[in-house]
Amino acid sequence: MRLVLGLLAAFLLAGCGSAAPRVAVPAVRSRDLPGAYRLLRQAGFRVAVSAPVAITSLETPFVTRLSPGAGTRAPRGNTVTIEPSTGGPLGSPTFERGLHVRVPSFAGRPASAAVAWADAHRMYWAIPHLPALAGSTAPSLFAAYRVVAQSPRPGARLAQGVMVGKGFRPTPLTLTVVPRG
């Protein structure tokens, strides 16, 4: 009996029998998809996105449901699945006449690099099909995806947008992405 208790004590002291600490799932329903992803990762969860969705610098999906639900205590490292809406506007585009930049190649790079580049250059971006995502540990939503194609092609000049009548139509850097493996 002493031998069994001694082995059990050694096992627990070595940390082999300890469970991951449980933390409350953050309330991210109605938050924008990138922000919800970031909060769940900061809480220590892997994040899954249940369905493909379109996302742009001007329109982003919001979280409609998550599982397990907000407030549920779950072990760090467990996967929380978020269900995205079809998207909602983030604001009106602003137009700077004559703003053009040469587009670098983003092929093989994280989508986060392309989005950061476009944002830094005051350009618009679009990911018409952001695929569903299995439990990811990437630090941000866009870091969980890899660019496989882009438009315009590398080296081309990208205008911020064009005037159409009395309005403005953004000309986005359009990305095709896949989950990073």
C-alpha atoms as a PDB file:
ATOM      1  CA  MET A   1       0.000   0.000   0.000  1.00  0.00           C
ATOM      2  CA  ARG A   2       2.817   2.397   0.905  1.00  0.00           C
ATOM      3  CA  LEU A   3       4.464   1.645  -2.413  1.00  0.00           C
ATOM      4  CA  VAL A   4       1.267   2.549  -4.318  1.00  0.00           C
ATOM      5  CA  LEU A   5       0.832   5.805  -2.360  1.00  0.00           C
ATOM      6  CA  GLY A   6       4.502   6.663  -2.893  1.00  0.00           C
ATOM      7  CA  LEU A   7       4.235   6.095  -6.642  1.00  0.00           C
ATOM      8  CA  LEU A   8       1.023   8.160  -6.807  1.00  0.00           C
ATOM      9  CA  ALA A   9       2.664  11.026  -4.888  1.00  0.00           C
ATOM     10  CA  ALA A  10       5.712  10.970  -7.187  1.00  0.00           C
ATOM     11  CA  PHE A  11       3.443  10.969 -10.246  1.00  0.00           C
ATOM     12  CA  LEU A  12       1.480  14.005  -9.016  1.00  0.00           C
ATOM     13  CA  LEU A  13       4.593  15.896  -7.897  1.00  0.00           C
ATOM     14  CA  ALA A  14       6.132  15.380 -11.332  1.00  0.00           C
ATOM     15  CA  GLY A  15       3.107  17.117 -12.843  1.00  0.00           C
ATOM     16  CA  CYS A  16       2.125  14.103 -14.891  1.00  0.00           C
ATOM     17  CA  GLY A  17      -1.305  13.869 -13.331  1.00  0.00           C
ATOM     18  CA  SER A  18      -2.111  17.574 -13.228  1.00  0.00           C
ATOM     19  CA  ALA A  19      -4.830  18.908 -15.511  1.00  0.00           C
ATOM     20  CA  ALA A  20      -4.583  22.136 -17.499  1.00  0.00           C
ATOM     21  CA  PRO A  21      -5.973  25.100 -15.554  1.00  0.00           C
ATOM     22  CA  ARG A  22      -9.597  25.894 -16.343  1.00  0.00           C
ATOM     23  CA  VAL A  23     -10.461  29.410 -17.492  1.00  0.00           C
ATOM     24  CA  ALA A  24     -13.754  31.051 -18.412  1.00  0.00           C
ATOM     25  CA  VAL A  25     -14.550  31.289 -22.113  1.00  0.00           C
ATOM     26  CA  PRO A  26     -14.664  35.034 -22.908  1.00  0.00           C
ATOM     27  CA  ALA A  27     -17.945  36.588 -24.077  1.00  0.00           C
ATOM     28  CA  VAL A  28     -17.203  37.277 -27.745  1.00  0.00           C
ATOM     29  CA  ARG A  29     -20.686  37.002 -29.264  1.00  0.00           C
ATOM     30  CA  SER A  30     -21.374  40.080 -31.465  1.00  0.00           C
ATOM     31  CA  ARG A  31     -17.655  40.937 -31.639  1.00  0.00           C
ATOM     32  CA  ASP A  32     -15.855  41.226 -34.975  1.00  0.00           C
ATOM     33  CA  LEU A  33     -14.226  37.959 -36.033  1.00  0.00           C
ATOM     34  CA  PRO A  34     -10.563  39.091 -35.755  1.00  0.00           C
ATOM     35  CA  GLY A  35     -11.188  40.651 -32.327  1.00  0.00           C
ATOM     36  CA  ALA A  36     -13.015  37.580 -31.023  1.00  0.00           C
ATOM     37  CA  TYR A  37     -10.214  35.320 -32.269  1.00  0.00           C
ATOM     38  CA  ARG A  38      -7.608  37.494 -30.492  1.00  0.00           C
ATOM     39  CA  LEU A  39      -9.507  37.461 -27.149  1.00  0.00           C
ATOM     40  CA  LEU A  40      -9.959  33.693 -27.223  1.00  0.00           C
ATOM     41  CA  ARG A  41      -6.269  33.138 -28.002  1.00  0.00           C
ATOM     42  CA  GLN A  42      -5.267  35.535 -25.195  1.00  0.00           C
ATOM     43  CA  ALA A  43      -7.362  33.420 -22.815  1.00  0.00           C
ATOM     44  CA  GLY A  44      -5.315  30.377 -23.887  1.00  0.00           C
ATOM     45  CA  PHE A  45      -7.796  28.609 -26.173  1.00  0.00           C
ATOM     46  CA  ARG A  46      -7.313  27.145 -29.628  1.00  0.00           C
ATOM     47  CA  VAL A  47      -9.814  28.744 -31.996  1.00  0.00           C
ATOM     48  CA  ALA A  48     -11.901  27.168 -34.746  1.00  0.00           C
ATOM     49  CA  VAL A  49     -14.050  29.089 -37.242  1.00  0.00           C
ATOM     50  CA  SER A  50     -17.072  26.948 -38.159  1.00  0.00           C
ATOM     51  CA  ALA A  51     -17.817  28.202 -41.670  1.00  0.00           C
ATOM     52  CA  PRO A  52     -16.193  30.022 -44.572  1.00  0.00           C
ATOM     53  CA  VAL A  53     -16.923  33.733 -44.819  1.00  0.00           C
ATOM     54  CA  ALA A  54     -15.944  36.848 -46.785  1.00  0.00           C
ATOM     55  CA  ILE A  55     -13.994  39.563 -44.978  1.00  0.00           C
ATOM     56  CA  THR A  56     -12.653  42.924 -46.152  1.00  0.00           C
ATOM     57  CA  SER A  57     -11.093  46.038 -44.692  1.00  0.00           C
ATOM     58  CA  LEU A  58     -14.564  47.623 -44.949  1.00  0.00           C
ATOM     59  CA  GLU A  59     -16.790  44.720 -43.914  1.00  0.00           C
ATOM     60  CA  THR A  60     -16.149  42.023 -41.341  1.00  0.00           C
ATOM     61  CA  PRO A  61     -18.187  39.121 -39.999  1.00  0.00           C
ATOM     62  CA  PHE A  62     -19.281  39.102 -36.386  1.00  0.00           C
ATOM     63  CA  VAL A  63     -19.561  36.140 -34.021  1.00  0.00           C
ATOM     64  CA  THR A  64     -23.126  34.810 -33.806  1.00  0.00           C
ATOM     65  CA  ARG A  65     -22.448  31.761 -31.620  1.00  0.00           C
ATOM     66  CA  LEU A  66     -19.609  30.075 -29.785  1.00  0.00           C
ATOM     67  CA  SER A  67     -19.109  26.632 -28.294  1.00  0.00           C
ATOM     68  CA  PRO A  68     -18.547  26.108 -25.483  1.00  0.00           C
ATOM     69  CA  GLY A  69     -20.577  29.159 -24.471  1.00  0.00           C
ATOM     70  CA  ALA A  70     -19.330  32.312 -22.773  1.00  0.00           C
ATOM     71  CA  GLY A  71     -18.528  31.846 -19.100  1.00  0.00           C
ATOM     72  CA  THR A  72     -18.011  28.076 -19.401  1.00  0.00           C
ATOM     73  CA  ARG A  73     -14.876  27.023 -17.549  1.00  0.00           C
ATOM     74  CA  ALA A  74     -12.718  24.960 -19.887  1.00  0.00           C
ATOM     75  CA  PRO A  75      -9.099  23.806 -19.790  1.00  0.00           C
ATOM     76  CA  ARG A  76      -6.554  26.086 -21.455  1.00  0.00           C
ATOM     77  CA  GLY A  77      -5.629  24.652 -24.829  1.00  0.00           C
ATOM     78  CA  ASN A  78      -9.142  23.380 -25.545  1.00  0.00           C
ATOM     79  CA  THR A  79     -10.773  24.482 -28.801  1.00  0.00           C
ATOM     80  CA  VAL A  80     -13.515  27.102 -28.816  1.00  0.00           C
ATOM     81  CA  THR A  81     -15.518  27.172 -32.041  1.00  0.00           C
ATOM     82  CA  ILE A  82     -16.927  30.465 -33.258  1.00  0.00           C
ATOM     83  CA  GLU A  83     -19.669  30.793 -35.842  1.00  0.00           C
ATOM     84  CA  PRO A  84     -19.364  33.898 -38.048  1.00  0.00           C
ATOM     85  CA  SER A  85     -22.161  36.038 -39.476  1.00  0.00           C
ATOM     86  CA  THR A  86     -22.140  37.116 -43.107  1.00  0.00           C
ATOM     87  CA  GLY A  87     -20.522  40.445 -42.220  1.00  0.00           C
ATOM     88  CA  GLY A  88     -21.270  44.025 -41.385  1.00  0.00           C
ATOM     89  CA  PRO A  89     -19.867  47.394 -42.422  1.00  0.00           C
ATOM     90  CA  LEU A  90     -16.976  48.857 -40.461  1.00  0.00           C
ATOM     91  CA  GLY A  91     -17.254  52.365 -41.863  1.00  0.00           C
ATOM     92  CA  SER A  92     -17.171  54.412 -44.998  1.00  0.00           C
ATOM     93  CA  PRO A  93     -14.102  54.386 -47.222  1.00  0.00           C
ATOM     94  CA  THR A  94     -11.968  57.484 -47.462  1.00  0.00           C
ATOM     95  CA  PHE A  95     -10.383  58.380 -50.758  1.00  0.00           C
ATOM     96  CA  GLU A  96      -7.021  60.001 -51.352  1.00  0.00           C
ATOM     97  CA  ARG A  97      -6.798  60.993 -54.998  1.00  0.00           C
ATOM     98  CA  GLY A  98      -3.645  59.781 -56.728  1.00  0.00           C
ATOM     99  CA  LEU A  99      -2.639  57.248 -54.060  1.00  0.00           C
ATOM    100  CA  HIS A 100      -0.891  54.338 -55.844  1.00  0.00           C
ATOM    101  CA  VAL A 101       1.606  51.751 -54.621  1.00  0.00           C
ATOM    102  CA  ARG A 102       3.491  48.797 -56.105  1.00  0.00           C
ATOM    103  CA  VAL A 103       2.255  45.504 -54.716  1.00  0.00           C
ATOM    104  CA  PRO A 104       4.792  43.034 -53.323  1.00  0.00           C
ATOM    105  CA  SER A 105       4.379  39.267 -53.530  1.00  0.00           C
ATOM    106  CA  PHE A 106       2.511  37.735 -50.609  1.00  0.00           C
ATOM    107  CA  ALA A 107       2.426  34.161 -51.968  1.00  0.00           C
ATOM    108  CA  GLY A 108       3.290  31.682 -49.241  1.00  0.00           C
ATOM    109  CA  ARG A 109       3.232  34.360 -46.540  1.00  0.00           C
ATOM    110  CA  PRO A 110       0.708  34.701 -43.714  1.00  0.00           C
ATOM    111  CA  ALA A 111      -2.395  36.690 -44.653  1.00  0.00           C
ATOM    112  CA  SER A 112      -1.545  38.912 -41.676  1.00  0.00           C
ATOM    113  CA  ALA A 113       1.479  40.243 -43.621  1.00  0.00           C
ATOM    114  CA  ALA A 114      -0.691  41.258 -46.585  1.00  0.00           C
ATOM    115  CA  VAL A 115      -3.372  42.845 -44.408  1.00  0.00           C
ATOM    116  CA  ALA A 116      -0.761  44.779 -42.395  1.00  0.00           C
ATOM    117  CA  TRP A 117       0.898  45.986 -45.620  1.00  0.00           C
ATOM    118  CA  ALA A 118      -2.418  47.154 -47.088  1.00  0.00           C
ATOM    119  CA  ASP A 119      -3.415  48.912 -43.849  1.00  0.00           C
ATOM    120  CA  ALA A 120      -0.012  50.633 -43.574  1.00  0.00           C
ATOM    121  CA  HIS A 121      -0.345  51.931 -47.157  1.00  0.00           C
ATOM    122  CA  ARG A 122      -3.992  53.048 -46.685  1.00  0.00           C
ATOM    123  CA  MET A 123      -5.091  50.476 -49.260  1.00  0.00           C
ATOM    124  CA  TYR A 124      -8.180  48.318 -49.094  1.00  0.00           C
ATOM    125  CA  TRP A 125      -8.013  44.531 -48.943  1.00  0.00           C
ATOM    126  CA  ALA A 126     -10.461  41.689 -49.443  1.00  0.00           C
ATOM    127  CA  ILE A 127     -10.520  37.977 -48.719  1.00  0.00           C
ATOM    128  CA  PRO A 128     -13.656  36.825 -50.591  1.00  0.00           C
ATOM    129  CA  HIS A 129     -13.414  33.298 -49.129  1.00  0.00           C
ATOM    130  CA  LEU A 130     -11.875  32.911 -45.671  1.00  0.00           C
ATOM    131  CA  PRO A 131     -12.099  29.115 -45.210  1.00  0.00           C
ATOM    132  CA  ALA A 132     -13.385  27.403 -42.090  1.00  0.00           C
ATOM    133  CA  LEU A 133     -10.571  26.852 -39.619  1.00  0.00           C
ATOM    134  CA  ALA A 134      -9.772  23.909 -37.340  1.00  0.00           C
ATOM    135  CA  GLY A 135      -8.465  24.658 -33.857  1.00  0.00           C
ATOM    136  CA  SER A 136      -5.654  27.164 -34.422  1.00  0.00           C
ATOM    137  CA  THR A 137      -2.962  28.495 -32.124  1.00  0.00           C
ATOM    138  CA  ALA A 138      -1.827  31.308 -34.443  1.00  0.00           C
ATOM    139  CA  PRO A 139      -1.564  34.642 -32.589  1.00  0.00           C
ATOM    140  CA  SER A 140      -4.131  36.379 -34.833  1.00  0.00           C
ATOM    141  CA  LEU A 141      -6.903  35.335 -37.197  1.00  0.00           C
ATOM    142  CA  PHE A 142      -5.025  36.353 -40.342  1.00  0.00           C
ATOM    143  CA  ALA A 143      -1.809  34.673 -39.129  1.00  0.00           C
ATOM    144  CA  ALA A 144      -3.759  31.396 -39.221  1.00  0.00           C
ATOM    145  CA  TYR A 145      -3.992  31.608 -43.042  1.00  0.00           C
ATOM    146  CA  ARG A 146      -1.435  31.522 -45.876  1.00  0.00           C
ATOM    147  CA  VAL A 147      -1.768  33.508 -49.109  1.00  0.00           C
ATOM    148  CA  VAL A 148      -1.857  31.273 -52.219  1.00  0.00           C
ATOM    149  CA  ALA A 149      -2.906  33.901 -54.800  1.00  0.00           C
ATOM    150  CA  GLN A 150      -3.372  37.644 -55.038  1.00  0.00           C
ATOM    151  CA  SER A 151      -4.739  40.307 -57.324  1.00  0.00           C
ATOM    152  CA  PRO A 152      -3.233  42.513 -58.554  1.00  0.00           C
ATOM    153  CA  ARG A 153      -0.124  40.484 -59.317  1.00  0.00           C
ATOM    154  CA  PRO A 154       3.184  41.279 -57.603  1.00  0.00           C
ATOM    155  CA  GLY A 155       4.876  44.374 -59.056  1.00  0.00           C
ATOM    156  CA  ALA A 156       1.639  45.873 -60.366  1.00  0.00           C
ATOM    157  CA  ARG A 157       0.482  49.327 -59.295  1.00  0.00           C
ATOM    158  CA  LEU A 158      -2.549  49.357 -57.022  1.00  0.00           C
ATOM    159  CA  ALA A 159      -4.728  52.456 -56.844  1.00  0.00           C
ATOM    160  CA  GLN A 160      -6.612  53.057 -53.631  1.00  0.00           C
ATOM    161  CA  GLY A 161      -9.843  53.298 -55.579  1.00  0.00           C
ATOM    162  CA  VAL A 162     -11.696  54.957 -58.418  1.00  0.00           C
ATOM    163  CA  MET A 163     -14.298  57.683 -58.619  1.00  0.00           C
ATOM    164  CA  VAL A 164     -17.617  56.427 -59.957  1.00  0.00           C
ATOM    165  CA  GLY A 165     -19.993  59.311 -60.608  1.00  0.00           C
ATOM    166  CA  LYS A 166     -20.029  61.239 -57.335  1.00  0.00           C
ATOM    167  CA  GLY A 167     -18.939  58.219 -55.325  1.00  0.00           C
ATOM    168  CA  PHE A 168     -15.839  56.218 -54.597  1.00  0.00           C
ATOM    169  CA  ARG A 169     -15.257  52.517 -55.219  1.00  0.00           C
ATOM    170  CA  PRO A 170     -12.282  50.956 -53.383  1.00  0.00           C
ATOM    171  CA  THR A 171      -9.826  48.891 -55.420  1.00  0.00           C
ATOM    172  CA  PRO A 172      -8.758  46.187 -52.978  1.00  0.00           C
ATOM    173  CA  LEU A 173      -5.770  43.909 -52.766  1.00  0.00           C
ATOM    174  CA  THR A 174      -7.692  40.651 -53.162  1.00  0.00           C
ATOM    175  CA  LEU A 175      -6.265  37.562 -51.476  1.00  0.00           C
ATOM    176  CA  THR A 176      -6.914  33.851 -51.842  1.00  0.00           C
ATOM    177  CA  VAL A 177      -5.952  32.088 -48.618  1.00  0.00           C
ATOM    178  CA  VAL A 178      -5.824  28.612 -47.093  1.00  0.00           C
ATOM    179  CA  PRO A 179      -5.383  27.594 -43.457  1.00  0.00           C
ATOM    180  CA  ARG A 180      -1.734  27.271 -42.476  1.00  0.00           C
ATOM    181  CA  GLY A 181      -0.749  23.686 -41.780  1.00  0.00           C
END
